[in-house]
Amino acid sequence: MEHIELFFKSIFIDNMVFATFLGMCSYLAVSKKVSTAVGLGAAVIFVLAITVPLNWLLDQYILQPGALSWMGPEYADYDLSFLSFIMFIATIATMVQLVEIVVEKFSPSLYNSLGIFLPLIAVNCAILGGSLFMQSREIATLGLATTYGIGSGIGWFLAILAIAAIREKIRYSNVPPALRGLGITFIITGLMAIGFMSFGGMLTGGEEESTNPQEEVQQLQNEEENNEFGDNTTN
């Protein structure tokens, strides 16, 4: 249940584009055609699905204060958290290089259409944001980190796929001249973000803490005693 909740929450509620507005550069630049958006979105899913759990392992066993205690008690006092950015970016750059080699080998047309934005995934703030959010939210297990990485990637994929489909259709619409291009794209993105915000109640509604009936009776008795004491003091 925890995996399912985290998966859907990372897609719809904590969406990288619509909730935190990360990865907007490639989101706007590579969303003119659906085919290109699908290729880049699939690459982002792959990179996030690999780098988030890898960076979780780095954080748990190397970077956190006291994480090196598995090497011996003399290393328990070491704190390498200041290396988080460097280690995370190194992991991301390695995986992006692997994706670039695979795409160039098996799909040269997609490689040419993505252009400079494929290697720029290494500095895409959505990719680094996934690892940093994983660290700040203290995700407990490697499985949950993998689920969060895949869910975040799918959320970014759905965002760029949706805007690409809309931008392809909007070419044939009568958009006011002042809003053509990025203007109408920003407006649509804002409206989509508002729509995704409506999913916020999907996992948060109905989570009121259930109290024990005996505790409720005791609480009512205490309130009655307080009311009686208040009446006596006023008299």
C-alpha atoms as a PDB file:
ATOM      1  CA  MET A   1       0.000   0.000   0.000  1.00  0.00           C
ATOM      2  CA  GLU A   2       2.850   2.363   0.807  1.00  0.00           C
ATOM      3  CA  HIS A   3       4.402   1.770  -2.611  1.00  0.00           C
ATOM      4  CA  ILE A   4       1.110   2.435  -4.407  1.00  0.00           C
ATOM      5  CA  GLU A   5       0.490   5.619  -2.428  1.00  0.00           C
ATOM      6  CA  LEU A   6       4.000   6.937  -3.088  1.00  0.00           C
ATOM      7  CA  PHE A   7       3.762   5.982  -6.783  1.00  0.00           C
ATOM      8  CA  PHE A   8       0.533   7.890  -7.448  1.00  0.00           C
ATOM      9  CA  LYS A   9       1.549  10.769  -5.216  1.00  0.00           C
ATOM     10  CA  SER A  10       4.799  11.282  -7.141  1.00  0.00           C
ATOM     11  CA  ILE A  11       2.874  11.254 -10.441  1.00  0.00           C
ATOM     12  CA  PHE A  12      -0.152  13.418  -9.722  1.00  0.00           C
ATOM     13  CA  ILE A  13       0.396  15.367  -6.492  1.00  0.00           C
ATOM     14  CA  ASP A  14       4.164  15.990  -6.396  1.00  0.00           C
ATOM     15  CA  ASN A  15       4.538  16.174 -10.179  1.00  0.00           C
ATOM     16  CA  MET A  16       7.974  17.505 -11.093  1.00  0.00           C
ATOM     17  CA  VAL A  17       6.621  19.951 -13.668  1.00  0.00           C
ATOM     18  CA  PHE A  18       3.258  21.056 -12.315  1.00  0.00           C
ATOM     19  CA  ALA A  19       3.999  21.007  -8.569  1.00  0.00           C
ATOM     20  CA  THR A  20       7.642  22.109  -8.389  1.00  0.00           C
ATOM     21  CA  PHE A  21       8.205  23.449 -11.960  1.00  0.00           C
ATOM     22  CA  LEU A  22      11.441  21.495 -12.399  1.00  0.00           C
ATOM     23  CA  GLY A  23      12.770  20.590 -15.832  1.00  0.00           C
ATOM     24  CA  MET A  24      10.927  23.429 -17.556  1.00  0.00           C
ATOM     25  CA  CYS A  25      13.688  24.120 -20.112  1.00  0.00           C
ATOM     26  CA  SER A  26      13.442  20.793 -21.904  1.00  0.00           C
ATOM     27  CA  TYR A  27       9.716  20.646 -21.140  1.00  0.00           C
ATOM     28  CA  LEU A  28       9.146  23.777 -23.229  1.00  0.00           C
ATOM     29  CA  ALA A  29      11.819  23.206 -25.877  1.00  0.00           C
ATOM     30  CA  VAL A  30      11.201  19.552 -26.763  1.00  0.00           C
ATOM     31  CA  SER A  31       7.396  19.540 -26.562  1.00  0.00           C
ATOM     32  CA  LYS A  32       6.608  20.696 -30.093  1.00  0.00           C
ATOM     33  CA  LYS A  33       6.128  17.138 -31.408  1.00  0.00           C
ATOM     34  CA  VAL A  34       4.630  14.135 -29.620  1.00  0.00           C
ATOM     35  CA  SER A  35       7.212  11.698 -31.011  1.00  0.00           C
ATOM     36  CA  THR A  36      10.101  13.752 -29.670  1.00  0.00           C
ATOM     37  CA  ALA A  37       8.368  14.258 -26.320  1.00  0.00           C
ATOM     38  CA  VAL A  38       7.817  10.500 -25.969  1.00  0.00           C
ATOM     39  CA  GLY A  39      11.505   9.792 -26.602  1.00  0.00           C
ATOM     40  CA  LEU A  40      12.747  12.344 -24.102  1.00  0.00           C
ATOM     41  CA  GLY A  41      10.111  11.345 -21.548  1.00  0.00           C
ATOM     42  CA  ALA A  42      11.131   7.694 -21.789  1.00  0.00           C
ATOM     43  CA  ALA A  43      14.772   8.690 -21.298  1.00  0.00           C
ATOM     44  CA  VAL A  44      13.845  10.719 -18.209  1.00  0.00           C
ATOM     45  CA  ILE A  45      11.897   7.772 -16.757  1.00  0.00           C
ATOM     46  CA  PHE A  46      14.886   5.487 -17.269  1.00  0.00           C
ATOM     47  CA  VAL A  47      17.378   7.922 -15.762  1.00  0.00           C
ATOM     48  CA  LEU A  48      15.201   8.665 -12.713  1.00  0.00           C
ATOM     49  CA  ALA A  49      14.413   4.972 -12.175  1.00  0.00           C
ATOM     50  CA  ILE A  50      18.153   4.190 -12.035  1.00  0.00           C
ATOM     51  CA  THR A  51      19.668   7.271 -10.398  1.00  0.00           C
ATOM     52  CA  VAL A  52      17.223   7.715  -7.492  1.00  0.00           C
ATOM     53  CA  PRO A  53      17.824   4.228  -5.989  1.00  0.00           C
ATOM     54  CA  LEU A  54      21.563   4.457  -6.725  1.00  0.00           C
ATOM     55  CA  ASN A  55      21.759   7.811  -4.974  1.00  0.00           C
ATOM     56  CA  TRP A  56      19.703   6.357  -2.109  1.00  0.00           C
ATOM     57  CA  LEU A  57      22.394   3.724  -1.632  1.00  0.00           C
ATOM     58  CA  LEU A  58      25.095   6.386  -1.758  1.00  0.00           C
ATOM     59  CA  ASP A  59      23.218   8.489   0.775  1.00  0.00           C
ATOM     60  CA  GLN A  60      22.559   5.604   3.171  1.00  0.00           C
ATOM     61  CA  TYR A  61      25.980   3.958   3.121  1.00  0.00           C
ATOM     62  CA  ILE A  62      28.409   6.781   2.319  1.00  0.00           C
ATOM     63  CA  LEU A  63      27.057  10.323   2.611  1.00  0.00           C
ATOM     64  CA  GLN A  64      24.929  10.487   5.759  1.00  0.00           C
ATOM     65  CA  PRO A  65      26.559  11.269   9.104  1.00  0.00           C
ATOM     66  CA  GLY A  66      27.734   7.964  10.527  1.00  0.00           C
ATOM     67  CA  ALA A  67      26.920   6.079   7.316  1.00  0.00           C
ATOM     68  CA  LEU A  68      30.470   4.689   7.135  1.00  0.00           C
ATOM     69  CA  SER A  69      30.045   2.753  10.377  1.00  0.00           C
ATOM     70  CA  TRP A  70      29.728  -0.446   8.320  1.00  0.00           C
ATOM     71  CA  MET A  71      33.455  -0.077   7.563  1.00  0.00           C
ATOM     72  CA  GLY A  72      34.324  -0.083  11.252  1.00  0.00           C
ATOM     73  CA  PRO A  73      33.723   1.905  14.432  1.00  0.00           C
ATOM     74  CA  GLU A  74      36.625   4.249  13.646  1.00  0.00           C
ATOM     75  CA  TYR A  75      34.669   5.588  10.643  1.00  0.00           C
ATOM     76  CA  ALA A  76      31.403   6.208  12.517  1.00  0.00           C
ATOM     77  CA  ASP A  77      32.163   9.891  13.113  1.00  0.00           C
ATOM     78  CA  TYR A  78      32.766  10.750   9.455  1.00  0.00           C
ATOM     79  CA  ASP A  79      30.247  13.056   7.779  1.00  0.00           C
ATOM     80  CA  LEU A  80      30.451  13.203   3.974  1.00  0.00           C
ATOM     81  CA  SER A  81      27.107  14.903   3.402  1.00  0.00           C
ATOM     82  CA  PHE A  82      28.897  17.885   1.820  1.00  0.00           C
ATOM     83  CA  LEU A  83      29.645  15.595  -1.154  1.00  0.00           C
ATOM     84  CA  SER A  84      25.949  14.957  -1.894  1.00  0.00           C
ATOM     85  CA  PHE A  85      25.678  17.262  -4.896  1.00  0.00           C
ATOM     86  CA  ILE A  86      28.916  16.018  -6.463  1.00  0.00           C
ATOM     87  CA  MET A  87      28.085  12.337  -5.998  1.00  0.00           C
ATOM     88  CA  PHE A  88      24.490  12.716  -7.177  1.00  0.00           C
ATOM     89  CA  ILE A  89      25.503  14.634 -10.299  1.00  0.00           C
ATOM     90  CA  ALA A  90      28.249  12.109 -11.079  1.00  0.00           C
ATOM     91  CA  THR A  91      25.739   9.257 -10.913  1.00  0.00           C
ATOM     92  CA  ILE A  92      23.257  11.152 -13.092  1.00  0.00           C
ATOM     93  CA  ALA A  93      25.894  12.078 -15.681  1.00  0.00           C
ATOM     94  CA  THR A  94      27.012   8.452 -15.923  1.00  0.00           C
ATOM     95  CA  MET A  95      23.490   7.180 -16.569  1.00  0.00           C
ATOM     96  CA  VAL A  96      22.731   9.961 -19.053  1.00  0.00           C
ATOM     97  CA  GLN A  97      25.868   9.040 -20.974  1.00  0.00           C
ATOM     98  CA  LEU A  98      24.648   5.454 -21.101  1.00  0.00           C
ATOM     99  CA  VAL A  99      21.223   6.565 -22.363  1.00  0.00           C
ATOM    100  CA  GLU A 100      22.847   8.752 -25.018  1.00  0.00           C
ATOM    101  CA  ILE A 101      24.938   5.832 -26.301  1.00  0.00           C
ATOM    102  CA  VAL A 102      21.921   3.497 -26.431  1.00  0.00           C
ATOM    103  CA  VAL A 103      19.658   6.019 -28.198  1.00  0.00           C
ATOM    104  CA  GLU A 104      22.337   6.910 -30.738  1.00  0.00           C
ATOM    105  CA  LYS A 105      22.905   3.215 -31.448  1.00  0.00           C
ATOM    106  CA  PHE A 106      19.314   2.034 -31.824  1.00  0.00           C
ATOM    107  CA  SER A 107      17.401   5.203 -32.829  1.00  0.00           C
ATOM    108  CA  PRO A 108      19.567   7.724 -34.716  1.00  0.00           C
ATOM    109  CA  SER A 109      16.491   9.692 -35.831  1.00  0.00           C
ATOM    110  CA  LEU A 110      15.364  10.208 -32.239  1.00  0.00           C
ATOM    111  CA  TYR A 111      18.931  11.072 -31.254  1.00  0.00           C
ATOM    112  CA  ASN A 112      19.061  13.763 -33.953  1.00  0.00           C
ATOM    113  CA  SER A 113      15.612  15.144 -33.079  1.00  0.00           C
ATOM    114  CA  LEU A 114      16.446  15.435 -29.381  1.00  0.00           C
ATOM    115  CA  GLY A 115      19.677  17.210 -30.221  1.00  0.00           C
ATOM    116  CA  ILE A 116      21.470  18.916 -27.367  1.00  0.00           C
ATOM    117  CA  PHE A 117      18.656  18.214 -24.903  1.00  0.00           C
ATOM    118  CA  LEU A 118      19.562  14.544 -24.548  1.00  0.00           C
ATOM    119  CA  PRO A 119      23.004  15.147 -22.978  1.00  0.00           C
ATOM    120  CA  LEU A 120      21.485  18.086 -21.103  1.00  0.00           C
ATOM    121  CA  ILE A 121      19.395  15.604 -19.092  1.00  0.00           C
ATOM    122  CA  ALA A 122      22.507  15.412 -16.915  1.00  0.00           C
ATOM    123  CA  VAL A 123      21.863  18.982 -15.771  1.00  0.00           C
ATOM    124  CA  ASN A 124      18.074  18.730 -15.866  1.00  0.00           C
ATOM    125  CA  CYS A 125      16.934  19.990 -12.482  1.00  0.00           C
ATOM    126  CA  ALA A 126      14.073  17.453 -12.471  1.00  0.00           C
ATOM    127  CA  ILE A 127      16.612  14.599 -12.435  1.00  0.00           C
ATOM    128  CA  LEU A 128      18.672  16.099  -9.630  1.00  0.00           C
ATOM    129  CA  GLY A 129      15.478  17.160  -7.854  1.00  0.00           C
ATOM    130  CA  GLY A 130      14.309  13.549  -7.696  1.00  0.00           C
ATOM    131  CA  SER A 131      17.439  12.530  -5.773  1.00  0.00           C
ATOM    132  CA  LEU A 132      17.366  15.591  -3.517  1.00  0.00           C
ATOM    133  CA  PHE A 133      13.669  15.114  -2.696  1.00  0.00           C
ATOM    134  CA  MET A 134      14.395  11.469  -1.952  1.00  0.00           C
ATOM    135  CA  GLN A 135      17.092  12.592   0.476  1.00  0.00           C
ATOM    136  CA  SER A 136      15.105  15.387   2.128  1.00  0.00           C
ATOM    137  CA  ARG A 137      11.964  13.275   2.547  1.00  0.00           C
ATOM    138  CA  GLU A 138      14.026  10.488   4.121  1.00  0.00           C
ATOM    139  CA  ILE A 139      12.581   7.670   2.035  1.00  0.00           C
ATOM    140  CA  ALA A 140      13.064   4.587   4.143  1.00  0.00           C
ATOM    141  CA  THR A 141      13.881   1.709   1.801  1.00  0.00           C
ATOM    142  CA  LEU A 142      15.509   1.030  -1.549  1.00  0.00           C
ATOM    143  CA  GLY A 143      12.205  -0.259  -2.910  1.00  0.00           C
ATOM    144  CA  LEU A 144      10.421   2.966  -2.011  1.00  0.00           C
ATOM    145  CA  ALA A 145      13.238   4.974  -3.593  1.00  0.00           C
ATOM    146  CA  THR A 146      12.841   2.978  -6.813  1.00  0.00           C
ATOM    147  CA  THR A 147       9.081   3.505  -6.743  1.00  0.00           C
ATOM    148  CA  TYR A 148       9.571   7.223  -6.205  1.00  0.00           C
ATOM    149  CA  GLY A 149      12.054   7.455  -9.083  1.00  0.00           C
ATOM    150  CA  ILE A 150       9.771   5.617 -11.511  1.00  0.00           C
ATOM    151  CA  GLY A 151       6.709   7.594 -10.411  1.00  0.00           C
ATOM    152  CA  SER A 152       8.509  10.925 -10.735  1.00  0.00           C
ATOM    153  CA  GLY A 153       9.709   9.967 -14.208  1.00  0.00           C
ATOM    154  CA  ILE A 154       6.228   8.935 -15.312  1.00  0.00           C
ATOM    155  CA  GLY A 155       4.839  12.206 -13.948  1.00  0.00           C
ATOM    156  CA  TRP A 156       7.349  14.206 -15.994  1.00  0.00           C
ATOM    157  CA  PHE A 157       6.621  12.003 -19.020  1.00  0.00           C
ATOM    158  CA  LEU A 158       2.868  12.609 -18.772  1.00  0.00           C
ATOM    159  CA  ALA A 159       3.449  16.353 -18.414  1.00  0.00           C
ATOM    160  CA  ILE A 160       5.589  16.700 -21.542  1.00  0.00           C
ATOM    161  CA  LEU A 161       3.374  14.283 -23.500  1.00  0.00           C
ATOM    162  CA  ALA A 162       0.251  16.262 -22.636  1.00  0.00           C
ATOM    163  CA  ILE A 163       1.712  19.643 -23.577  1.00  0.00           C
ATOM    164  CA  ALA A 164       3.171  18.204 -26.796  1.00  0.00           C
ATOM    165  CA  ALA A 165      -0.217  16.827 -27.857  1.00  0.00           C
ATOM    166  CA  ILE A 166      -1.881  20.160 -27.081  1.00  0.00           C
ATOM    167  CA  ARG A 167       0.779  22.146 -28.947  1.00  0.00           C
ATOM    168  CA  GLU A 168       0.367  19.948 -32.017  1.00  0.00           C
ATOM    169  CA  LYS A 169      -3.397  20.554 -32.040  1.00  0.00           C
ATOM    170  CA  ILE A 170      -3.147  24.237 -31.210  1.00  0.00           C
ATOM    171  CA  ARG A 171      -1.316  24.937 -34.456  1.00  0.00           C
ATOM    172  CA  TYR A 172      -4.678  24.762 -36.191  1.00  0.00           C
ATOM    173  CA  SER A 173      -6.414  26.988 -33.637  1.00  0.00           C
ATOM    174  CA  ASN A 174      -7.026  30.693 -33.894  1.00  0.00           C
ATOM    175  CA  VAL A 175      -4.731  31.842 -31.107  1.00  0.00           C
ATOM    176  CA  PRO A 176      -4.464  35.630 -30.619  1.00  0.00           C
ATOM    177  CA  PRO A 177      -1.194  36.876 -32.152  1.00  0.00           C
ATOM    178  CA  ALA A 178       0.085  38.245 -28.848  1.00  0.00           C
ATOM    179  CA  LEU A 179      -0.191  34.794 -27.227  1.00  0.00           C
ATOM    180  CA  ARG A 180       1.230  32.620 -29.981  1.00  0.00           C
ATOM    181  CA  GLY A 181       4.269  30.530 -29.151  1.00  0.00           C
ATOM    182  CA  LEU A 182       5.430  30.409 -25.541  1.00  0.00           C
ATOM    183  CA  GLY A 183       2.667  32.722 -24.337  1.00  0.00           C
ATOM    184  CA  ILE A 184      -0.179  30.271 -24.872  1.00  0.00           C
ATOM    185  CA  THR A 185       2.121  27.425 -23.764  1.00  0.00           C
ATOM    186  CA  PHE A 186       2.678  29.072 -20.383  1.00  0.00           C
ATOM    187  CA  ILE A 187      -1.061  29.645 -19.986  1.00  0.00           C
ATOM    188  CA  ILE A 188      -1.847  26.013 -20.804  1.00  0.00           C
ATOM    189  CA  THR A 189       0.866  24.829 -18.425  1.00  0.00           C
ATOM    190  CA  GLY A 190      -0.599  26.937 -15.629  1.00  0.00           C
ATOM    191  CA  LEU A 191      -4.084  25.538 -16.262  1.00  0.00           C
ATOM    192  CA  MET A 192      -2.734  22.000 -16.288  1.00  0.00           C
ATOM    193  CA  ALA A 193      -0.914  22.674 -13.023  1.00  0.00           C
ATOM    194  CA  ILE A 194      -4.182  23.809 -11.455  1.00  0.00           C
ATOM    195  CA  GLY A 195      -5.805  20.628 -12.732  1.00  0.00           C
ATOM    196  CA  PHE A 196      -3.101  18.466 -11.199  1.00  0.00           C
ATOM    197  CA  MET A 197      -3.489  20.323  -7.900  1.00  0.00           C
ATOM    198  CA  SER A 198      -7.012  18.896  -7.703  1.00  0.00           C
ATOM    199  CA  PHE A 199      -5.449  15.461  -7.185  1.00  0.00           C
ATOM    200  CA  GLY A 200      -4.149  16.715  -3.833  1.00  0.00           C
ATOM    201  CA  GLY A 201      -7.253  15.455  -2.055  1.00  0.00           C
ATOM    202  CA  MET A 202      -6.989  12.018  -3.637  1.00  0.00           C
ATOM    203  CA  LEU A 203      -4.592  10.697  -0.973  1.00  0.00           C
ATOM    204  CA  THR A 204      -5.190  13.204   1.793  1.00  0.00           C
ATOM    205  CA  GLY A 205      -8.976  13.114   2.127  1.00  0.00           C
ATOM    206  CA  GLY A 206     -10.503  11.127   4.929  1.00  0.00           C
ATOM    207  CA  GLU A 207      -7.329  10.753   6.933  1.00  0.00           C
ATOM    208  CA  GLU A 208      -8.750  12.042  10.193  1.00  0.00           C
ATOM    209  CA  GLU A 209      -7.341  10.174  13.126  1.00  0.00           C
ATOM    210  CA  SER A 210      -9.786   7.651  14.509  1.00  0.00           C
ATOM    211  CA  THR A 211     -10.014   7.868  18.281  1.00  0.00           C
ATOM    212  CA  ASN A 212     -10.834   5.092  20.702  1.00  0.00           C
ATOM    213  CA  PRO A 213     -14.502   5.134  21.878  1.00  0.00           C
ATOM    214  CA  GLN A 214     -13.350   5.012  25.496  1.00  0.00           C
ATOM    215  CA  GLU A 215     -11.155   8.052  24.882  1.00  0.00           C
ATOM    216  CA  GLU A 216     -14.118   9.896  23.349  1.00  0.00           C
ATOM    217  CA  VAL A 217     -16.289   9.103  26.425  1.00  0.00           C
ATOM    218  CA  GLN A 218     -13.503  10.252  28.737  1.00  0.00           C
ATOM    219  CA  GLN A 219     -13.108  13.443  26.712  1.00  0.00           C
ATOM    220  CA  LEU A 220     -16.844  14.176  26.940  1.00  0.00           C
ATOM    221  CA  GLN A 221     -16.815  13.579  30.704  1.00  0.00           C
ATOM    222  CA  ASN A 222     -13.891  15.959  31.122  1.00  0.00           C
ATOM    223  CA  GLU A 223     -15.718  18.611  29.090  1.00  0.00           C
ATOM    224  CA  GLU A 224     -18.850  18.196  31.239  1.00  0.00           C
ATOM    225  CA  GLU A 225     -16.805  18.493  34.437  1.00  0.00           C
ATOM    226  CA  ASN A 226     -15.111  21.620  33.103  1.00  0.00           C
ATOM    227  CA  ASN A 227     -18.502  23.119  32.203  1.00  0.00           C
ATOM    228  CA  GLU A 228     -19.895  22.314  35.669  1.00  0.00           C
ATOM    229  CA  PHE A 229     -16.817  23.828  37.323  1.00  0.00           C
ATOM    230  CA  GLY A 230     -17.226  26.947  35.194  1.00  0.00           C
ATOM    231  CA  ASP A 231     -20.887  27.297  36.178  1.00  0.00           C
ATOM    232  CA  ASN A 232     -20.066  26.932  39.896  1.00  0.00           C
ATOM    233  CA  THR A 233     -17.398  29.584  39.749  1.00  0.00           C
ATOM    234  CA  THR A 234     -19.700  32.022  38.028  1.00  0.00           C
ATOM    235  CA  ASN A 235     -22.387  31.436  40.667  1.00  0.00           C
END
